[in-house]
């Protein structure tokens, strides 16, 4: 624990601690604002559409590859009527 010999030392440290507290508060505010911007960008309509289309295209591509490798064929109703 620090020992103070004058009120000037106490006032200096109190001023330092107040400024440090204000800086920390501003850093928290900046972090929250950056987080809000990131969330609003991630959930924008365009990003949702792009990610959905990307997912659909990825699944279609995987289906095509599996189809070529394994040879999955669609079953027609005509085959069951015989």
PDB file of N, CA and C in Angstrom:
ATOM      1  N   UNK A   1       0.844  -1.171   0.000  1.00  0.00           N
ATOM      2  CA  UNK A   1       0.000   0.000   0.000  1.00  0.00           C
ATOM      3  C   UNK A   1       0.890   1.236   0.000  1.00  0.00           C
ATOM      4  N   UNK A   2       0.503   2.198  -0.801  1.00  0.00           N
ATOM      5  CA  UNK A   2       1.279   3.425  -0.917  1.00  0.00           C
ATOM      6  C   UNK A   2       0.973   4.359   0.252  1.00  0.00           C
ATOM      7  N   UNK A   3       2.014   4.986   0.763  1.00  0.00           N
ATOM      8  CA  UNK A   3       1.836   5.970   1.842  1.00  0.00           C
ATOM      9  C   UNK A   3       2.022   7.367   1.253  1.00  0.00           C
ATOM     10  N   UNK A   4       1.084   8.212   1.579  1.00  0.00           N
ATOM     11  CA  UNK A   4       1.124   9.584   1.092  1.00  0.00           C
ATOM     12  C   UNK A   4       1.673  10.496   2.192  1.00  0.00           C
ATOM     13  N   UNK A   5       2.464  11.457   1.733  1.00  0.00           N
ATOM     14  CA  UNK A   5       3.017  12.410   2.701  1.00  0.00           C
ATOM     15  C   UNK A   5       2.387  13.787   2.568  1.00  0.00           C
ATOM     16  N   UNK A   6       1.773  14.046   1.379  1.00  0.00           N
ATOM     17  CA  UNK A   6       1.120  15.350   1.193  1.00  0.00           C
ATOM     18  C   UNK A   6      -0.243  15.164   0.504  1.00  0.00           C
ATOM     19  N   UNK A   7      -1.063  16.194   0.661  1.00  0.00           N
ATOM     20  CA  UNK A   7      -2.359  16.165  -0.016  1.00  0.00           C
ATOM     21  C   UNK A   7      -2.193  16.312  -1.529  1.00  0.00           C
ATOM     22  N   UNK A   8      -1.100  16.930  -1.934  1.00  0.00           N
ATOM     23  CA  UNK A   8      -0.828  17.097  -3.363  1.00  0.00           C
ATOM     24  C   UNK A   8      -0.650  15.731  -4.033  1.00  0.00           C
ATOM     25  N   UNK A   9       0.024  14.813  -3.359  1.00  0.00           N
ATOM     26  CA  UNK A   9       0.198  13.460  -3.903  1.00  0.00           C
ATOM     27  C   UNK A   9      -1.148  12.738  -4.013  1.00  0.00           C
ATOM     28  N   UNK A  10      -1.976  12.907  -3.013  1.00  0.00           N
ATOM     29  CA  UNK A  10      -3.304  12.287  -3.030  1.00  0.00           C
ATOM     30  C   UNK A  10      -4.137  12.860  -4.167  1.00  0.00           C
ATOM     31  N   UNK A  11      -4.135  14.175  -4.303  1.00  0.00           N
ATOM     32  CA  UNK A  11      -4.895  14.819  -5.383  1.00  0.00           C
ATOM     33  C   UNK A  11      -4.402  14.362  -6.753  1.00  0.00           C
ATOM     34  N   UNK A  12      -3.090  14.231  -6.920  1.00  0.00           N
ATOM     35  CA  UNK A  12      -2.520  13.785  -8.202  1.00  0.00           C
ATOM     36  C   UNK A  12      -2.999  12.368  -8.524  1.00  0.00           C
ATOM     37  N   UNK A  13      -2.945  11.465  -7.552  1.00  0.00           N
ATOM     38  CA  UNK A  13      -3.378  10.093  -7.797  1.00  0.00           C
ATOM     39  C   UNK A  13      -4.881  10.014  -8.050  1.00  0.00           C
ATOM     40  N   UNK A  14      -5.668  10.816  -7.325  1.00  0.00           N
ATOM     41  CA  UNK A  14      -7.109  10.837  -7.563  1.00  0.00           C
ATOM     42  C   UNK A  14      -7.430  11.331  -8.975  1.00  0.00           C
ATOM     43  N   UNK A  15      -6.716  12.363  -9.412  1.00  0.00           N
ATOM     44  CA  UNK A  15      -6.916  12.892 -10.769  1.00  0.00           C
ATOM     45  C   UNK A  15      -6.549  11.810 -11.793  1.00  0.00           C
ATOM     46  N   UNK A  16      -5.434  11.128 -11.560  1.00  0.00           N
ATOM     47  CA  UNK A  16      -5.007  10.053 -12.455  1.00  0.00           C
ATOM     48  C   UNK A  16      -6.071   8.957 -12.515  1.00  0.00           C
ATOM     49  N   UNK A  17      -6.588   8.542 -11.376  1.00  0.00           N
ATOM     50  CA  UNK A  17      -7.590   7.482 -11.332  1.00  0.00           C
ATOM     51  C   UNK A  17      -8.901   7.899 -12.009  1.00  0.00           C
ATOM     52  N   UNK A  18      -9.292   9.169 -11.858  1.00  0.00           N
ATOM     53  CA  UNK A  18     -10.502   9.652 -12.543  1.00  0.00           C
ATOM     54  C   UNK A  18     -10.315   9.616 -14.055  1.00  0.00           C
ATOM     55  N   UNK A  19      -9.148  10.085 -14.514  1.00  0.00           N
ATOM     56  CA  UNK A  19      -8.876  10.072 -15.958  1.00  0.00           C
ATOM     57  C   UNK A  19      -8.825   8.638 -16.493  1.00  0.00           C
ATOM     58  N   UNK A  20      -8.193   7.767 -15.734  1.00  0.00           N
ATOM     59  CA  UNK A  20      -8.123   6.365 -16.151  1.00  0.00           C
ATOM     60  C   UNK A  20      -9.518   5.758 -16.223  1.00  0.00           C
ATOM     61  N   UNK A  21     -10.364   6.088 -15.284  1.00  0.00           N
ATOM     62  CA  UNK A  21     -11.736   5.601 -15.276  1.00  0.00           C
ATOM     63  C   UNK A  21     -12.508   6.108 -16.500  1.00  0.00           C
ATOM     64  N   UNK A  22     -12.319   7.376 -16.849  1.00  0.00           N
ATOM     65  CA  UNK A  22     -12.985   7.938 -18.028  1.00  0.00           C
ATOM     66  C   UNK A  22     -12.490   7.269 -19.309  1.00  0.00           C
ATOM     67  N   UNK A  23     -11.194   7.010 -19.387  1.00  0.00           N
ATOM     68  CA  UNK A  23     -10.637   6.337 -20.566  1.00  0.00           C
ATOM     69  C   UNK A  23     -11.218   4.930 -20.684  1.00  0.00           C
ATOM     70  N   UNK A  24     -11.266   4.209 -19.578  1.00  0.00           N
ATOM     71  CA  UNK A  24     -11.835   2.861 -19.588  1.00  0.00           C
ATOM     72  C   UNK A  24     -13.297   2.878 -20.027  1.00  0.00           C
ATOM     73  N   UNK A  25     -14.048   3.853 -19.542  1.00  0.00           N
ATOM     74  CA  UNK A  25     -15.449   3.977 -19.923  1.00  0.00           C
ATOM     75  C   UNK A  25     -15.590   4.235 -21.429  1.00  0.00           C
ATOM     76  N   UNK A  26     -14.748   5.113 -21.974  1.00  0.00           N
ATOM     77  CA  UNK A  26     -14.792   5.392 -23.414  1.00  0.00           C
ATOM     78  C   UNK A  26     -14.408   4.162 -24.227  1.00  0.00           C
ATOM     79  N   UNK A  27     -13.460   3.373 -23.745  1.00  0.00           N
ATOM     80  CA  UNK A  27     -13.085   2.144 -24.440  1.00  0.00           C
ATOM     81  C   UNK A  27     -14.246   1.152 -24.452  1.00  0.00           C
ATOM     82  N   UNK A  28     -14.972   1.062 -23.363  1.00  0.00           N
ATOM     83  CA  UNK A  28     -16.141   0.184 -23.307  1.00  0.00           C
ATOM     84  C   UNK A  28     -17.193   0.664 -24.296  1.00  0.00           C
ATOM     85  N   UNK A  29     -17.444   1.976 -24.347  1.00  0.00           N
ATOM     86  CA  UNK A  29     -18.419   2.526 -25.289  1.00  0.00           C
ATOM     87  C   UNK A  29     -18.015   2.223 -26.731  1.00  0.00           C
ATOM     88  N   UNK A  30     -16.724   2.401 -27.043  1.00  0.00           N
ATOM     89  CA  UNK A  30     -16.255   2.096 -28.396  1.00  0.00           C
ATOM     90  C   UNK A  30     -16.445   0.623 -28.723  1.00  0.00           C
ATOM     91  N   UNK A  31     -16.131  -0.232 -27.774  1.00  0.00           N
ATOM     92  CA  UNK A  31     -16.311  -1.664 -27.994  1.00  0.00           C
ATOM     93  C   UNK A  31     -17.757  -2.026 -28.238  1.00  0.00           C
ATOM     94  N   UNK A  32     -18.674  -1.424 -27.500  1.00  0.00           N
ATOM     95  CA  UNK A  32     -20.096  -1.690 -27.700  1.00  0.00           C
ATOM     96  C   UNK A  32     -20.562  -1.208 -29.068  1.00  0.00           C
ATOM     97  N   UNK A  33     -20.110  -0.021 -29.469  1.00  0.00           N
ATOM     98  CA  UNK A  33     -20.496   0.505 -30.777  1.00  0.00           C
ATOM     99  C   UNK A  33     -19.963  -0.368 -31.904  1.00  0.00           C
ATOM    100  N   UNK A  34     -18.719  -0.833 -31.775  1.00  0.00           N
ATOM    101  CA  UNK A  34     -18.155  -1.714 -32.792  1.00  0.00           C
ATOM    102  C   UNK A  34     -18.928  -3.022 -32.837  1.00  0.00           C
ATOM    103  N   UNK A  35     -19.322  -3.521 -31.672  1.00  0.00           N
ATOM    104  CA  UNK A  35     -20.114  -4.749 -31.623  1.00  0.00           C
ATOM    105  C   UNK A  35     -21.468  -4.576 -32.286  1.00  0.00           C
ATOM    106  N   UNK A  36     -22.108  -3.435 -32.049  1.00  0.00           N
ATOM    107  CA  UNK A  36     -23.407  -3.164 -32.672  1.00  0.00           C
ATOM    108  C   UNK A  36     -23.264  -3.086 -34.186  1.00  0.00           C
ATOM    109  N   UNK A  37     -22.202  -2.431 -34.664  1.00  0.00           N
ATOM    110  CA  UNK A  37     -21.983  -2.322 -36.105  1.00  0.00           C
ATOM    111  C   UNK A  37     -21.755  -3.689 -36.715  1.00  0.00           C
ATOM    112  N   UNK A  38     -20.971  -4.514 -36.037  1.00  0.00           N
ATOM    113  CA  UNK A  38     -20.697  -5.848 -36.555  1.00  0.00           C
ATOM    114  C   UNK A  38     -21.964  -6.679 -36.616  1.00  0.00           C
ATOM    115  N   UNK A  39     -22.787  -6.599 -35.580  1.00  0.00           N
ATOM    116  CA  UNK A  39     -24.031  -7.364 -35.558  1.00  0.00           C
ATOM    117  C   UNK A  39     -24.987  -6.867 -36.632  1.00  0.00           C
ATOM    118  N   UNK A  40     -25.097  -5.539 -36.783  1.00  0.00           N
ATOM    119  CA  UNK A  40     -26.021  -5.008 -37.792  1.00  0.00           C
ATOM    120  C   UNK A  40     -25.543  -5.351 -39.196  1.00  0.00           C
ATOM    121  N   UNK A  41     -24.227  -5.411 -39.410  1.00  0.00           N
ATOM    122  CA  UNK A  41     -23.709  -5.813 -40.719  1.00  0.00           C
ATOM    123  C   UNK A  41     -23.949  -7.294 -40.956  1.00  0.00           C
ATOM    124  N   UNK A  42     -23.787  -8.106 -39.931  1.00  0.00           N
ATOM    125  CA  UNK A  42     -23.947  -9.550 -40.084  1.00  0.00           C
ATOM    126  C   UNK A  42     -25.394  -9.923 -40.366  1.00  0.00           C
ATOM    127  N   UNK A  43     -26.345  -9.168 -39.830  1.00  0.00           N
ATOM    128  CA  UNK A  43     -27.755  -9.486 -40.004  1.00  0.00           C
ATOM    129  C   UNK A  43     -28.454  -8.551 -40.983  1.00  0.00           C
ATOM    130  N   UNK A  44     -27.695  -7.936 -41.874  1.00  0.00           N
ATOM    131  CA  UNK A  44     -28.328  -7.099 -42.887  1.00  0.00           C
ATOM    132  C   UNK A  44     -29.023  -8.007 -43.898  1.00  0.00           C
ATOM    133  N   UNK A  45     -30.074  -7.524 -44.544  1.00  0.00           N
ATOM    134  CA  UNK A  45     -30.811  -8.363 -45.499  1.00  0.00           C
ATOM    135  C   UNK A  45     -29.928  -8.925 -46.613  1.00  0.00           C
ATOM    136  N   UNK A  46     -29.011  -8.131 -47.097  1.00  0.00           N
ATOM    137  CA  UNK A  46     -28.137  -8.605 -48.178  1.00  0.00           C
ATOM    138  C   UNK A  46     -27.261  -9.747 -47.695  1.00  0.00           C
ATOM    139  N   UNK A  47     -26.681  -9.617 -46.497  1.00  0.00           N
ATOM    140  CA  UNK A  47     -25.835 -10.688 -45.979  1.00  0.00           C
ATOM    141  C   UNK A  47     -26.631 -11.957 -45.720  1.00  0.00           C
ATOM    142  N   UNK A  48     -27.863 -11.826 -45.264  1.00  0.00           N
ATOM    143  CA  UNK A  48     -28.696 -13.004 -45.035  1.00  0.00           C
ATOM    144  C   UNK A  48     -28.985 -13.703 -46.357  1.00  0.00           C
ATOM    145  N   UNK A  49     -29.323 -12.931 -47.388  1.00  0.00           N
ATOM    146  CA  UNK A  49     -29.613 -13.507 -48.708  1.00  0.00           C
ATOM    147  C   UNK A  49     -28.370 -14.179 -49.277  1.00  0.00           C
ATOM    148  N   UNK A  50     -27.229 -13.498 -49.192  1.00  0.00           N
ATOM    149  CA  UNK A  50     -25.988 -14.054 -49.734  1.00  0.00           C
ATOM    150  C   UNK A  50     -25.610 -15.338 -49.013  1.00  0.00           C
ATOM    151  N   UNK A  51     -25.708 -15.344 -47.687  1.00  0.00           N
ATOM    152  CA  UNK A  51     -25.342 -16.557 -46.951  1.00  0.00           C
ATOM    153  C   UNK A  51     -26.314 -17.695 -47.244  1.00  0.00           C
ATOM    154  N   UNK A  52     -27.604 -17.388 -47.420  1.00  0.00           N
ATOM    155  CA  UNK A  52     -28.582 -18.421 -47.753  1.00  0.00           C
ATOM    156  C   UNK A  52     -28.299 -19.005 -49.133  1.00  0.00           C
ATOM    157  N   UNK A  53     -28.074 -18.127 -50.111  1.00  0.00           N
ATOM    158  CA  UNK A  53     -27.762 -18.610 -51.456  1.00  0.00           C
ATOM    159  C   UNK A  53     -26.462 -19.413 -51.466  1.00  0.00           C
ATOM    160  N   UNK A  54     -25.473 -18.953 -50.714  1.00  0.00           N
ATOM    161  CA  UNK A  54     -24.210 -19.690 -50.635  1.00  0.00           C
ATOM    162  C   UNK A  54     -24.410 -21.069 -50.050  1.00  0.00           C
ATOM    163  N   UNK A  55     -25.240 -21.166 -49.042  1.00  0.00           N
ATOM    164  CA  UNK A  55     -25.527 -22.467 -48.424  1.00  0.00           C
ATOM    165  C   UNK A  55     -26.245 -23.393 -49.407  1.00  0.00           C
ATOM    166  N   UNK A  56     -27.216 -22.858 -50.121  1.00  0.00           N
ATOM    167  CA  UNK A  56     -27.955 -23.659 -51.098  1.00  0.00           C
ATOM    168  C   UNK A  56     -27.026 -24.138 -52.209  1.00  0.00           C
ATOM    169  N   UNK A  57     -26.190 -23.238 -52.716  1.00  0.00           N
ATOM    170  CA  UNK A  57     -25.258 -23.617 -53.778  1.00  0.00           C
ATOM    171  C   UNK A  57     -24.251 -24.652 -53.298  1.00  0.00           C
ATOM    172  N   UNK A  58     -23.798 -24.496 -52.057  1.00  0.00           N
ATOM    173  CA  UNK A  58     -22.846 -25.464 -51.508  1.00  0.00           C
ATOM    174  C   UNK A  58     -23.485 -26.851 -51.419  1.00  0.00           C
ATOM    175  N   UNK A  59     -24.729 -26.904 -50.944  1.00  0.00           N
ATOM    176  CA  UNK A  59     -25.426 -28.192 -50.841  1.00  0.00           C
ATOM    177  C   UNK A  59     -25.663 -28.794 -52.221  1.00  0.00           C
ATOM    178  N   UNK A  60     -26.022 -27.961 -53.196  1.00  0.00           N
ATOM    179  CA  UNK A  60     -26.230 -28.456 -54.558  1.00  0.00           C
ATOM    180  C   UNK A  60     -24.928 -29.006 -55.132  1.00  0.00           C
ATOM    181  N   UNK A  61     -23.831 -28.327 -54.873  1.00  0.00           N
ATOM    182  CA  UNK A  61     -22.523 -28.776 -55.359  1.00  0.00           C
ATOM    183  C   UNK A  61     -22.150 -30.115 -54.729  1.00  0.00           C
ATOM    184  N   UNK A  62     -22.349 -30.240 -53.434  1.00  0.00           N
ATOM    185  CA  UNK A  62     -22.044 -31.495 -52.739  1.00  0.00           C
ATOM    186  C   UNK A  62     -22.926 -32.617 -53.281  1.00  0.00           C
ATOM    187  N   UNK A  63     -24.207 -32.324 -53.510  1.00  0.00           N
ATOM    188  CA  UNK A  63     -25.112 -33.327 -54.071  1.00  0.00           C
ATOM    189  C   UNK A  63     -24.626 -33.803 -55.432  1.00  0.00           C
ATOM    190  N   UNK A  64     -24.185 -32.865 -56.267  1.00  0.00           N
ATOM    191  CA  UNK A  64     -23.680 -33.227 -57.601  1.00  0.00           C
ATOM    192  C   UNK A  64     -22.457 -34.124 -57.490  1.00  0.00           C
ATOM    193  N   UNK A  65     -21.537 -33.795 -56.599  1.00  0.00           N
ATOM    194  CA  UNK A  65     -20.323 -34.596 -56.428  1.00  0.00           C
ATOM    195  C   UNK A  65     -20.687 -36.000 -55.941  1.00  0.00           C
ATOM    196  N   UNK A  66     -21.564 -36.075 -54.934  1.00  0.00           N
ATOM    197  CA  UNK A  66     -21.980 -37.378 -54.412  1.00  0.00           C
ATOM    198  C   UNK A  66     -22.697 -38.168 -55.500  1.00  0.00           C
ATOM    199  N   UNK A  67     -23.521 -37.490 -56.279  1.00  0.00           N
ATOM    200  CA  UNK A  67     -24.236 -38.141 -57.366  1.00  0.00           C
ATOM    201  C   UNK A  67     -23.259 -38.725 -58.383  1.00  0.00           C
ATOM    202  N   UNK A  68     -22.219 -37.990 -58.731  1.00  0.00           N
ATOM    203  CA  UNK A  68     -21.226 -38.473 -59.697  1.00  0.00           C
ATOM    204  C   UNK A  68     -20.448 -39.656 -59.124  1.00  0.00           C
ATOM    205  N   UNK A  69     -20.108 -39.606 -57.842  1.00  0.00           N
ATOM    206  CA  UNK A  69     -19.317 -40.669 -57.229  1.00  0.00           C
ATOM    207  C   UNK A  69     -20.130 -41.931 -56.968  1.00  0.00           C
ATOM    208  N   UNK A  70     -21.324 -41.771 -56.448  1.00  0.00           N
ATOM    209  CA  UNK A  70     -22.127 -42.917 -56.038  1.00  0.00           C
ATOM    210  C   UNK A  70     -23.151 -43.292 -57.098  1.00  0.00           C
ATOM    211  N   UNK A  71     -23.628 -42.346 -57.852  1.00  0.00           N
ATOM    212  CA  UNK A  71     -24.603 -42.618 -58.898  1.00  0.00           C
ATOM    213  C   UNK A  71     -26.030 -42.661 -58.386  1.00  0.00           C
ATOM    214  N   UNK A  72     -26.391 -41.730 -57.527  1.00  0.00           N
ATOM    215  CA  UNK A  72     -27.758 -41.667 -57.021  1.00  0.00           C
ATOM    216  C   UNK A  72     -28.667 -41.223 -58.164  1.00  0.00           C
ATOM    217  N   UNK A  73     -29.756 -41.976 -58.376  1.00  0.00           N
ATOM    218  CA  UNK A  73     -30.687 -41.626 -59.440  1.00  0.00           C
ATOM    219  C   UNK A  73     -32.063 -41.400 -58.831  1.00  0.00           C
ATOM    220  N   UNK A  74     -32.798 -40.501 -59.432  1.00  0.00           N
ATOM    221  CA  UNK A  74     -34.154 -40.249 -58.966  1.00  0.00           C
ATOM    222  C   UNK A  74     -35.060 -41.413 -59.375  1.00  0.00           C
ATOM    223  N   UNK A  75     -35.954 -41.775 -58.487  1.00  0.00           N
ATOM    224  CA  UNK A  75     -36.897 -42.853 -58.750  1.00  0.00           C
ATOM    225  C   UNK A  75     -38.156 -42.254 -59.359  1.00  0.00           C
ATOM    226  N   UNK A  76     -38.583 -42.821 -60.476  1.00  0.00           N
ATOM    227  CA  UNK A  76     -39.788 -42.326 -61.139  1.00  0.00           C
ATOM    228  C   UNK A  76     -40.985 -43.150 -60.698  1.00  0.00           C
ATOM    229  N   UNK A  77     -42.141 -42.547 -60.694  1.00  0.00           N
ATOM    230  CA  UNK A  77     -43.367 -43.254 -60.320  1.00  0.00           C
ATOM    231  C   UNK A  77     -43.706 -44.353 -61.298  1.00  0.00           C
ATOM    232  N   UNK A  78     -43.309 -44.252 -62.548  1.00  0.00           N
ATOM    233  CA  UNK A  78     -43.600 -45.239 -63.575  1.00  0.00           C
ATOM    234  C   UNK A  78     -42.978 -46.587 -63.228  1.00  0.00           C
ATOM    235  N   UNK A  79     -41.817 -46.566 -62.577  1.00  0.00           N
ATOM    236  CA  UNK A  79     -41.122 -47.800 -62.235  1.00  0.00           C
ATOM    237  C   UNK A  79     -41.927 -48.630 -61.240  1.00  0.00           C
ATOM    238  N   UNK A  80     -42.741 -48.006 -60.428  1.00  0.00           N
ATOM    239  CA  UNK A  80     -43.513 -48.715 -59.403  1.00  0.00           C
ATOM    240  C   UNK A  80     -44.849 -49.228 -59.916  1.00  0.00           C
ATOM    241  N   UNK A  81     -45.326 -48.737 -61.040  1.00  0.00           N
ATOM    242  CA  UNK A  81     -46.641 -49.112 -61.541  1.00  0.00           C
ATOM    243  C   UNK A  81     -46.627 -50.481 -62.199  1.00  0.00           C
ATOM    244  N   UNK A  82     -45.508 -51.030 -62.592  1.00  0.00           N
ATOM    245  CA  UNK A  82     -45.451 -52.302 -63.297  1.00  0.00           C
ATOM    246  C   UNK A  82     -45.820 -53.474 -62.468  1.00  0.00           C
TER     247      UNK A  82
END
